[in-house]
C-alpha cells in the first residue's frame, strides 16, 4: 500500500498539477493532504485524483464550509485540525500544525512519543522532515507551493516497509 503526502499547496495550481502527476506515476492507493489548500478551486483540482483522498484543514484554509461540501461531493474525507486513521494495518495521526515552527514540532514530537501511532504526518512548517521516534515515523512532506523554502516537494510512503521518499516537483 503506497500513500502520497502533500501539504501547503496555497493555491499554486501549477505545483498542484506537478504533484498530482508525480502521484499518478507512483500509482498511489491513498492521497493525504495536510492542510493549507486555501481555496475551493484548488481542492477541486486535487479531488480529480483517482484514489482515496484524506484532507486535514490548515490555518490558511478559507471557506471551510465550501471545502467540506466539495470533499463530500468528491468522496474525500476532510477533517479539521487532526485525524487518526488506520490504513493497511498502520495507525496514522494526521495534523497540519499550528503556531510557530517550534510549537508544531514540539506538539508533533509529543504525539509521536506516546507510541500509539506507526506514522505521524504534519505540515505547516513548509520543511521536509523525517525521523523515527521509537518505532514511530514522523514525516513532513514540505511544501508543494514553494513559496517559503523555494522547494516544491511531496512524499511517498510504502506502508508495508515504512520506507519513504521525498520527491522534488
N, C-alpha and C. Protein backbone atom coordinates (compact mmCIF):
# COMPACT_ATOMS: atom_id res chain seq x y z
N UNK A 1 0.86 -1.17 0.00
CA UNK A 1 0.00 0.00 0.00
C UNK A 1 0.90 1.23 0.00
N UNK A 2 0.71 2.08 -0.99
CA UNK A 2 1.53 3.28 -1.16
C UNK A 2 0.64 4.51 -0.92
N UNK A 3 1.13 5.42 -0.07
CA UNK A 3 0.41 6.67 0.14
C UNK A 3 1.27 7.84 -0.33
N UNK A 4 0.60 8.86 -0.83
CA UNK A 4 1.26 10.10 -1.19
C UNK A 4 0.85 11.17 -0.21
N UNK A 5 1.81 11.98 0.19
CA UNK A 5 1.56 13.01 1.20
C UNK A 5 1.98 14.36 0.64
N UNK A 6 1.06 15.31 0.74
CA UNK A 6 1.34 16.67 0.29
C UNK A 6 0.81 17.64 1.33
N UNK A 7 1.34 18.86 1.31
CA UNK A 7 0.90 19.88 2.25
C UNK A 7 1.21 21.25 1.67
N UNK A 8 0.53 22.23 2.21
CA UNK A 8 0.84 23.63 1.92
C UNK A 8 0.91 23.91 0.43
N UNK A 9 -0.20 23.65 -0.25
CA UNK A 9 -0.28 23.92 -1.68
C UNK A 9 -0.57 25.40 -1.95
N UNK A 10 -1.26 26.06 -1.05
CA UNK A 10 -1.50 27.51 -1.12
C UNK A 10 -1.91 28.00 -2.51
N UNK A 11 -2.85 27.28 -3.12
CA UNK A 11 -3.43 27.68 -4.41
C UNK A 11 -2.45 27.72 -5.57
N UNK A 12 -1.28 27.15 -5.43
CA UNK A 12 -0.33 27.14 -6.54
C UNK A 12 -0.74 26.02 -7.50
N UNK A 13 -1.54 26.38 -8.49
CA UNK A 13 -2.13 25.39 -9.38
C UNK A 13 -1.10 24.66 -10.24
N UNK A 14 -0.06 25.35 -10.66
CA UNK A 14 0.99 24.69 -11.44
C UNK A 14 1.67 23.62 -10.59
N UNK A 15 1.98 23.96 -9.35
CA UNK A 15 2.63 23.00 -8.45
C UNK A 15 1.69 21.85 -8.09
N UNK A 16 0.41 22.13 -7.91
CA UNK A 16 -0.56 21.06 -7.63
C UNK A 16 -0.60 20.08 -8.80
N UNK A 17 -0.61 20.59 -10.02
CA UNK A 17 -0.59 19.72 -11.20
C UNK A 17 0.66 18.84 -11.21
N UNK A 18 1.80 19.43 -10.88
CA UNK A 18 3.05 18.66 -10.83
C UNK A 18 2.96 17.54 -9.79
N UNK A 19 2.43 17.89 -8.62
CA UNK A 19 2.30 16.90 -7.54
C UNK A 19 1.39 15.75 -7.97
N UNK A 20 0.26 16.09 -8.56
CA UNK A 20 -0.68 15.05 -8.99
C UNK A 20 -0.07 14.17 -10.08
N UNK A 21 0.74 14.76 -10.94
CA UNK A 21 1.43 13.98 -11.98
C UNK A 21 2.38 12.97 -11.34
N UNK A 22 3.14 13.42 -10.35
CA UNK A 22 4.05 12.51 -9.63
C UNK A 22 3.26 11.39 -8.97
N UNK A 23 2.15 11.74 -8.34
CA UNK A 23 1.34 10.73 -7.66
C UNK A 23 0.74 9.73 -8.65
N UNK A 24 0.35 10.20 -9.83
CA UNK A 24 -0.17 9.27 -10.86
C UNK A 24 0.93 8.30 -11.29
N UNK A 25 2.14 8.80 -11.44
CA UNK A 25 3.26 7.94 -11.83
C UNK A 25 3.57 6.90 -10.76
N UNK A 26 3.37 7.25 -9.51
CA UNK A 26 3.63 6.33 -8.39
C UNK A 26 2.45 5.40 -8.13
N UNK A 27 1.31 5.66 -8.78
CA UNK A 27 0.11 4.83 -8.67
C UNK A 27 -0.30 4.63 -7.20
N UNK A 28 -0.54 5.75 -6.54
CA UNK A 28 -0.88 5.73 -5.12
C UNK A 28 -2.21 5.05 -4.83
N UNK A 29 -2.30 4.51 -3.64
CA UNK A 29 -3.56 3.96 -3.15
C UNK A 29 -4.34 5.02 -2.38
N UNK A 30 -3.62 5.91 -1.70
CA UNK A 30 -4.24 6.97 -0.89
C UNK A 30 -3.43 8.25 -1.04
N UNK A 31 -4.13 9.36 -1.19
CA UNK A 31 -3.51 10.69 -1.22
C UNK A 31 -3.92 11.42 0.05
N UNK A 32 -2.94 11.94 0.77
CA UNK A 32 -3.20 12.70 2.00
C UNK A 32 -2.70 14.12 1.80
N UNK A 33 -3.59 15.08 2.09
CA UNK A 33 -3.21 16.50 2.05
C UNK A 33 -3.29 17.03 3.47
N UNK A 34 -2.19 17.60 3.95
CA UNK A 34 -2.07 18.01 5.35
C UNK A 34 -2.35 19.49 5.59
N UNK A 35 -3.14 20.11 4.75
CA UNK A 35 -3.62 21.45 5.05
C UNK A 35 -2.99 22.57 4.26
N UNK A 36 -3.69 23.69 4.32
CA UNK A 36 -3.37 24.90 3.57
C UNK A 36 -3.50 24.69 2.07
N UNK A 37 -4.63 24.09 1.71
CA UNK A 37 -5.05 24.07 0.31
C UNK A 37 -5.35 25.51 -0.07
N UNK A 38 -6.12 26.19 0.74
CA UNK A 38 -6.54 27.58 0.74
C UNK A 38 -7.92 27.75 0.09
N UNK A 39 -8.05 27.61 -1.21
CA UNK A 39 -9.31 27.93 -1.89
C UNK A 39 -10.01 26.71 -2.47
N UNK A 40 -11.32 26.79 -2.58
CA UNK A 40 -12.07 25.67 -3.16
C UNK A 40 -11.61 25.26 -4.56
N UNK A 41 -11.21 26.21 -5.40
CA UNK A 41 -10.79 25.83 -6.76
C UNK A 41 -9.56 24.92 -6.74
N UNK A 42 -8.69 25.10 -5.76
CA UNK A 42 -7.52 24.23 -5.65
C UNK A 42 -7.94 22.83 -5.20
N UNK A 43 -8.90 22.76 -4.28
CA UNK A 43 -9.39 21.46 -3.84
C UNK A 43 -10.07 20.72 -4.99
N UNK A 44 -10.80 21.42 -5.82
CA UNK A 44 -11.46 20.78 -6.96
C UNK A 44 -10.43 20.05 -7.83
N UNK A 45 -9.29 20.65 -8.04
CA UNK A 45 -8.23 20.02 -8.84
C UNK A 45 -7.69 18.78 -8.13
N UNK A 46 -7.43 18.88 -6.83
CA UNK A 46 -6.90 17.75 -6.06
C UNK A 46 -7.88 16.58 -6.07
N UNK A 47 -9.16 16.89 -6.00
CA UNK A 47 -10.19 15.84 -5.97
C UNK A 47 -10.30 15.07 -7.29
N UNK A 48 -9.64 15.53 -8.32
CA UNK A 48 -9.61 14.80 -9.58
C UNK A 48 -8.74 13.55 -9.49
N UNK A 49 -7.89 13.48 -8.46
CA UNK A 49 -7.00 12.33 -8.33
C UNK A 49 -7.83 11.06 -8.08
N UNK A 50 -7.58 9.99 -8.83
CA UNK A 50 -8.42 8.79 -8.77
C UNK A 50 -8.04 7.80 -7.67
N UNK A 51 -8.08 8.23 -6.43
CA UNK A 51 -7.80 7.33 -5.30
C UNK A 51 -8.52 7.88 -4.08
N UNK A 52 -8.42 7.16 -2.99
CA UNK A 52 -8.96 7.66 -1.73
C UNK A 52 -8.18 8.91 -1.35
N UNK A 53 -8.89 9.95 -0.91
CA UNK A 53 -8.25 11.21 -0.54
C UNK A 53 -8.67 11.59 0.88
N UNK A 54 -7.67 11.92 1.69
CA UNK A 54 -7.90 12.39 3.06
C UNK A 54 -7.28 13.77 3.18
N UNK A 55 -8.05 14.71 3.71
CA UNK A 55 -7.61 16.10 3.81
C UNK A 55 -7.75 16.58 5.25
N UNK A 56 -6.72 17.23 5.74
CA UNK A 56 -6.77 17.92 7.03
C UNK A 56 -6.71 19.42 6.72
N UNK A 57 -7.58 20.19 7.33
CA UNK A 57 -7.54 21.62 7.07
C UNK A 57 -6.35 22.26 7.79
N UNK A 58 -5.91 23.39 7.25
CA UNK A 58 -4.80 24.13 7.84
C UNK A 58 -5.24 25.52 8.25
N UNK A 59 -4.32 26.27 8.80
CA UNK A 59 -4.62 27.61 9.32
C UNK A 59 -4.92 28.64 8.24
N UNK A 60 -4.56 28.36 6.98
CA UNK A 60 -4.83 29.30 5.90
C UNK A 60 -5.98 28.88 5.00
N UNK A 61 -6.64 27.79 5.33
CA UNK A 61 -7.75 27.35 4.50
C UNK A 61 -8.95 28.25 4.75
N UNK A 62 -9.48 28.79 3.66
CA UNK A 62 -10.65 29.65 3.75
C UNK A 62 -11.89 28.90 3.32
N UNK A 63 -13.04 29.44 3.62
CA UNK A 63 -14.32 28.87 3.23
C UNK A 63 -14.39 27.37 3.53
N UNK A 64 -14.22 27.06 4.80
CA UNK A 64 -14.21 25.66 5.26
C UNK A 64 -15.50 24.95 4.87
N UNK A 65 -16.63 25.64 4.96
CA UNK A 65 -17.90 25.00 4.60
C UNK A 65 -17.91 24.55 3.14
N UNK A 66 -17.41 25.40 2.26
CA UNK A 66 -17.35 25.04 0.84
C UNK A 66 -16.34 23.91 0.61
N UNK A 67 -15.22 23.94 1.31
CA UNK A 67 -14.24 22.86 1.19
C UNK A 67 -14.86 21.53 1.63
N UNK A 68 -15.62 21.56 2.74
CA UNK A 68 -16.28 20.33 3.21
C UNK A 68 -17.29 19.84 2.18
N UNK A 69 -18.08 20.74 1.62
CA UNK A 69 -19.07 20.36 0.60
C UNK A 69 -18.39 19.69 -0.59
N UNK A 70 -17.31 20.30 -1.06
CA UNK A 70 -16.59 19.73 -2.20
C UNK A 70 -16.01 18.36 -1.86
N UNK A 71 -15.45 18.23 -0.67
CA UNK A 71 -14.85 16.95 -0.26
C UNK A 71 -15.91 15.86 -0.22
N UNK A 72 -17.05 16.15 0.38
CA UNK A 72 -18.14 15.16 0.45
C UNK A 72 -18.59 14.78 -0.95
N UNK A 73 -18.81 15.78 -1.79
CA UNK A 73 -19.24 15.54 -3.17
C UNK A 73 -18.21 14.70 -3.92
N UNK A 74 -16.93 14.93 -3.65
CA UNK A 74 -15.85 14.21 -4.32
C UNK A 74 -15.48 12.88 -3.68
N UNK A 75 -16.16 12.52 -2.60
CA UNK A 75 -15.89 11.24 -1.94
C UNK A 75 -14.66 11.24 -1.05
N UNK A 76 -14.16 12.41 -0.71
CA UNK A 76 -12.97 12.52 0.14
C UNK A 76 -13.36 12.67 1.60
N UNK A 77 -12.41 12.41 2.45
CA UNK A 77 -12.56 12.67 3.89
C UNK A 77 -11.89 13.99 4.18
N UNK A 78 -12.59 14.92 4.82
CA UNK A 78 -12.00 16.20 5.21
C UNK A 78 -12.25 16.39 6.70
N UNK A 79 -11.18 16.59 7.45
CA UNK A 79 -11.25 16.79 8.90
C UNK A 79 -10.51 18.06 9.28
N UNK A 80 -10.99 18.70 10.32
CA UNK A 80 -10.31 19.90 10.81
C UNK A 80 -9.33 19.53 11.90
N UNK A 81 -8.19 20.18 11.88
CA UNK A 81 -7.14 20.10 12.90
C UNK A 81 -6.35 18.80 12.90
N UNK A 82 -7.02 17.66 13.11
CA UNK A 82 -6.30 16.38 13.20
C UNK A 82 -7.24 15.24 12.87
N UNK A 83 -6.64 14.10 12.58
CA UNK A 83 -7.44 12.91 12.26
C UNK A 83 -6.56 11.69 12.47
N UNK A 84 -7.15 10.65 13.03
CA UNK A 84 -6.44 9.38 13.13
C UNK A 84 -7.14 8.37 12.22
N UNK A 85 -6.36 7.56 11.55
CA UNK A 85 -6.89 6.60 10.61
C UNK A 85 -5.96 5.39 10.56
N UNK A 86 -6.54 4.24 10.34
CA UNK A 86 -5.74 3.03 10.13
C UNK A 86 -5.84 2.66 8.66
N UNK A 87 -4.69 2.53 8.03
CA UNK A 87 -4.60 2.15 6.63
C UNK A 87 -3.60 1.00 6.54
N UNK A 88 -4.03 -0.09 5.97
CA UNK A 88 -3.14 -1.25 5.78
C UNK A 88 -2.46 -1.64 7.09
N UNK A 89 -3.24 -1.71 8.15
CA UNK A 89 -2.80 -2.12 9.49
C UNK A 89 -1.81 -1.15 10.15
N UNK A 90 -1.66 0.04 9.60
CA UNK A 90 -0.80 1.07 10.20
C UNK A 90 -1.69 2.19 10.73
N UNK A 91 -1.42 2.58 11.96
CA UNK A 91 -2.19 3.66 12.58
C UNK A 91 -1.47 4.99 12.32
N UNK A 92 -2.20 5.93 11.69
CA UNK A 92 -1.63 7.22 11.32
C UNK A 92 -2.31 8.34 12.09
N UNK A 93 -1.51 9.31 12.49
CA UNK A 93 -2.01 10.54 13.09
C UNK A 93 -1.69 11.65 12.09
N UNK A 94 -2.72 12.36 11.66
CA UNK A 94 -2.56 13.41 10.66
C UNK A 94 -2.92 14.76 11.26
N UNK A 95 -2.08 15.75 11.03
CA UNK A 95 -2.36 17.11 11.50
C UNK A 95 -1.68 18.11 10.57
N UNK A 96 -2.15 19.33 10.61
CA UNK A 96 -1.47 20.38 9.87
C UNK A 96 -0.36 20.96 10.73
N UNK A 97 -0.71 21.42 11.91
CA UNK A 97 0.21 22.11 12.81
C UNK A 97 -0.37 23.47 13.13
N UNK A 98 0.28 24.18 14.02
CA UNK A 98 -0.22 25.49 14.43
C UNK A 98 0.89 26.28 15.11
N UNK A 99 0.68 27.58 15.18
CA UNK A 99 1.64 28.44 15.85
C UNK A 99 2.97 28.47 15.11
N UNK A 100 4.02 28.62 15.89
CA UNK A 100 5.37 28.69 15.30
C UNK A 100 5.84 27.30 14.86
N UNK A 101 6.91 27.28 14.12
CA UNK A 101 7.50 26.00 13.72
C UNK A 101 7.87 25.18 14.95
N UNK A 102 8.42 25.86 15.95
CA UNK A 102 8.84 25.18 17.17
C UNK A 102 7.65 24.58 17.90
N UNK A 103 6.54 25.32 17.97
CA UNK A 103 5.33 24.80 18.63
C UNK A 103 4.82 23.57 17.90
N UNK A 104 4.80 23.64 16.58
CA UNK A 104 4.33 22.49 15.80
C UNK A 104 5.23 21.29 16.01
N UNK A 105 6.53 21.49 15.94
CA UNK A 105 7.46 20.37 16.13
C UNK A 105 7.32 19.75 17.53
N UNK A 106 7.16 20.58 18.53
CA UNK A 106 7.01 20.10 19.90
C UNK A 106 5.73 19.28 20.06
N UNK A 107 4.66 19.77 19.50
CA UNK A 107 3.36 19.09 19.55
C UNK A 107 3.45 17.73 18.84
N UNK A 108 4.03 17.73 17.65
CA UNK A 108 4.15 16.50 16.86
C UNK A 108 5.04 15.49 17.59
N UNK A 109 6.12 15.96 18.14
CA UNK A 109 7.03 15.07 18.88
C UNK A 109 6.33 14.44 20.09
N UNK A 110 5.53 15.23 20.80
CA UNK A 110 4.79 14.71 21.95
C UNK A 110 3.82 13.61 21.52
N UNK A 111 3.14 13.81 20.41
CA UNK A 111 2.22 12.80 19.89
C UNK A 111 3.00 11.53 19.53
N UNK A 112 4.12 11.69 18.83
CA UNK A 112 4.93 10.54 18.41
C UNK A 112 5.46 9.77 19.61
N UNK A 113 5.85 10.47 20.65
CA UNK A 113 6.43 9.82 21.83
C UNK A 113 5.45 8.94 22.58
N UNK A 114 4.16 9.10 22.33
CA UNK A 114 3.18 8.23 23.01
C UNK A 114 3.31 6.80 22.53
N UNK A 115 3.86 6.59 21.34
CA UNK A 115 4.00 5.25 20.80
C UNK A 115 2.69 4.66 20.30
N UNK A 116 1.64 5.45 20.25
CA UNK A 116 0.32 4.95 19.82
C UNK A 116 0.18 4.86 18.31
N UNK A 117 1.09 5.50 17.58
CA UNK A 117 0.94 5.59 16.13
C UNK A 117 2.17 5.02 15.43
N UNK A 118 1.92 4.43 14.27
CA UNK A 118 3.02 3.97 13.43
C UNK A 118 3.63 5.13 12.66
N UNK A 119 2.76 6.08 12.27
CA UNK A 119 3.20 7.24 11.49
C UNK A 119 2.49 8.49 11.99
N UNK A 120 3.25 9.58 12.15
CA UNK A 120 2.69 10.89 12.45
C UNK A 120 3.08 11.80 11.29
N UNK A 121 2.06 12.35 10.63
CA UNK A 121 2.27 13.22 9.48
C UNK A 121 1.80 14.63 9.81
N UNK A 122 2.59 15.62 9.40
CA UNK A 122 2.21 17.00 9.64
C UNK A 122 2.74 17.91 8.54
N UNK A 123 2.20 19.13 8.50
CA UNK A 123 2.62 20.14 7.54
C UNK A 123 3.01 21.41 8.28
N UNK A 124 2.56 22.54 7.80
CA UNK A 124 2.65 23.85 8.45
C UNK A 124 4.03 24.50 8.42
N UNK A 125 5.09 23.74 8.64
CA UNK A 125 6.43 24.34 8.72
C UNK A 125 7.03 24.57 7.33
N UNK A 126 6.47 23.94 6.32
CA UNK A 126 6.94 24.04 4.93
C UNK A 126 8.30 23.39 4.72
N UNK A 127 8.78 22.61 5.68
CA UNK A 127 10.11 22.00 5.59
C UNK A 127 10.02 20.48 5.61
N UNK A 128 10.74 19.83 4.70
CA UNK A 128 10.76 18.37 4.71
C UNK A 128 11.46 17.88 5.97
N UNK A 129 10.85 16.89 6.58
CA UNK A 129 11.39 16.30 7.80
C UNK A 129 10.98 14.84 7.86
N UNK A 130 11.87 13.98 8.26
CA UNK A 130 11.53 12.59 8.50
C UNK A 130 12.51 12.00 9.51
N UNK A 131 11.97 11.34 10.52
CA UNK A 131 12.81 10.69 11.52
C UNK A 131 11.95 9.70 12.31
N UNK A 132 12.62 8.84 13.05
CA UNK A 132 11.93 7.89 13.91
C UNK A 132 11.98 8.36 15.35
N UNK A 133 10.85 8.26 16.02
CA UNK A 133 10.77 8.42 17.47
C UNK A 133 10.31 7.07 17.97
N UNK A 134 11.22 6.30 18.55
CA UNK A 134 10.90 4.91 18.87
C UNK A 134 10.63 4.18 17.56
N UNK A 135 9.43 3.60 17.44
CA UNK A 135 9.05 2.92 16.20
C UNK A 135 8.13 3.77 15.34
N UNK A 136 7.92 5.01 15.72
CA UNK A 136 7.00 5.90 15.01
C UNK A 136 7.75 6.75 13.99
N UNK A 137 7.31 6.67 12.72
CA UNK A 137 7.85 7.52 11.68
C UNK A 137 7.15 8.87 11.76
N UNK A 138 7.92 9.93 11.89
CA UNK A 138 7.40 11.30 11.89
C UNK A 138 7.84 11.92 10.57
N UNK A 139 6.88 12.47 9.82
CA UNK A 139 7.22 12.97 8.49
C UNK A 139 6.42 14.22 8.15
N UNK A 140 7.12 15.19 7.57
CA UNK A 140 6.52 16.38 6.99
C UNK A 140 6.97 16.40 5.53
N UNK A 141 6.01 16.43 4.57
CA UNK A 141 6.39 16.37 3.16
C UNK A 141 6.96 17.66 2.61
N UNK A 142 7.01 18.71 3.42
CA UNK A 142 7.45 20.01 2.93
C UNK A 142 6.30 20.75 2.27
N UNK A 143 6.61 21.67 1.39
CA UNK A 143 5.58 22.49 0.76
C UNK A 143 5.49 22.20 -0.74
N UNK A 144 4.26 22.09 -1.21
CA UNK A 144 4.06 21.95 -2.64
C UNK A 144 4.24 23.30 -3.32
N UNK A 145 3.78 24.36 -2.66
CA UNK A 145 3.77 25.69 -3.29
C UNK A 145 5.15 26.25 -3.57
N UNK A 146 6.12 25.99 -2.72
CA UNK A 146 7.47 26.51 -2.91
C UNK A 146 7.65 27.96 -2.49
N UNK A 147 6.67 28.53 -1.84
CA UNK A 147 6.70 29.97 -1.52
C UNK A 147 7.69 30.34 -0.43
N UNK A 148 7.85 29.50 0.59
CA UNK A 148 8.72 29.87 1.71
C UNK A 148 10.14 29.33 1.58
N UNK A 149 10.28 28.09 1.10
CA UNK A 149 11.61 27.49 1.05
C UNK A 149 12.22 27.53 -0.35
N UNK A 150 11.38 27.81 -1.35
CA UNK A 150 11.85 27.76 -2.72
C UNK A 150 11.90 26.34 -3.27
N UNK A 151 11.51 25.36 -2.44
CA UNK A 151 11.50 23.96 -2.86
C UNK A 151 10.06 23.48 -2.90
N UNK A 152 9.71 22.75 -3.94
CA UNK A 152 8.38 22.15 -4.07
C UNK A 152 8.53 20.65 -3.92
N UNK A 153 7.94 20.09 -2.86
CA UNK A 153 8.14 18.68 -2.57
C UNK A 153 6.86 17.98 -2.13
N UNK A 154 6.85 16.68 -2.33
CA UNK A 154 5.84 15.78 -1.80
C UNK A 154 6.58 14.57 -1.25
N UNK A 155 5.85 13.69 -0.56
CA UNK A 155 6.45 12.46 -0.06
C UNK A 155 5.58 11.27 -0.46
N UNK A 156 6.23 10.15 -0.61
CA UNK A 156 5.56 8.88 -0.88
C UNK A 156 6.05 7.90 0.18
N UNK A 157 5.11 7.16 0.78
CA UNK A 157 5.46 6.21 1.84
C UNK A 157 4.88 4.84 1.50
N UNK A 158 5.72 3.82 1.61
CA UNK A 158 5.27 2.43 1.50
C UNK A 158 4.86 2.00 2.91
N UNK A 159 3.59 1.72 3.10
CA UNK A 159 3.11 1.40 4.44
C UNK A 159 3.57 0.04 4.95
N UNK A 160 3.95 -0.83 4.06
CA UNK A 160 4.42 -2.15 4.49
C UNK A 160 5.81 -2.06 5.12
N UNK A 161 6.67 -1.25 4.53
CA UNK A 161 8.06 -1.17 4.98
C UNK A 161 8.37 0.11 5.75
N UNK A 162 7.48 1.10 5.67
CA UNK A 162 7.67 2.45 6.21
C UNK A 162 8.84 3.18 5.53
N UNK A 163 9.23 2.71 4.36
CA UNK A 163 10.23 3.43 3.58
C UNK A 163 9.53 4.61 2.91
N UNK A 164 10.24 5.73 2.88
CA UNK A 164 9.66 6.94 2.33
C UNK A 164 10.62 7.58 1.34
N UNK A 165 10.05 8.44 0.53
CA UNK A 165 10.84 9.16 -0.46
C UNK A 165 10.28 10.57 -0.58
N UNK A 166 11.16 11.55 -0.53
CA UNK A 166 10.77 12.93 -0.84
C UNK A 166 11.02 13.15 -2.32
N UNK A 167 10.07 13.78 -2.99
CA UNK A 167 10.20 13.99 -4.43
C UNK A 167 10.10 15.47 -4.71
N UNK A 168 11.12 16.00 -5.40
CA UNK A 168 11.09 17.39 -5.84
C UNK A 168 10.20 17.49 -7.07
N UNK A 169 9.38 18.52 -7.09
CA UNK A 169 8.45 18.69 -8.22
C UNK A 169 9.09 19.43 -9.37
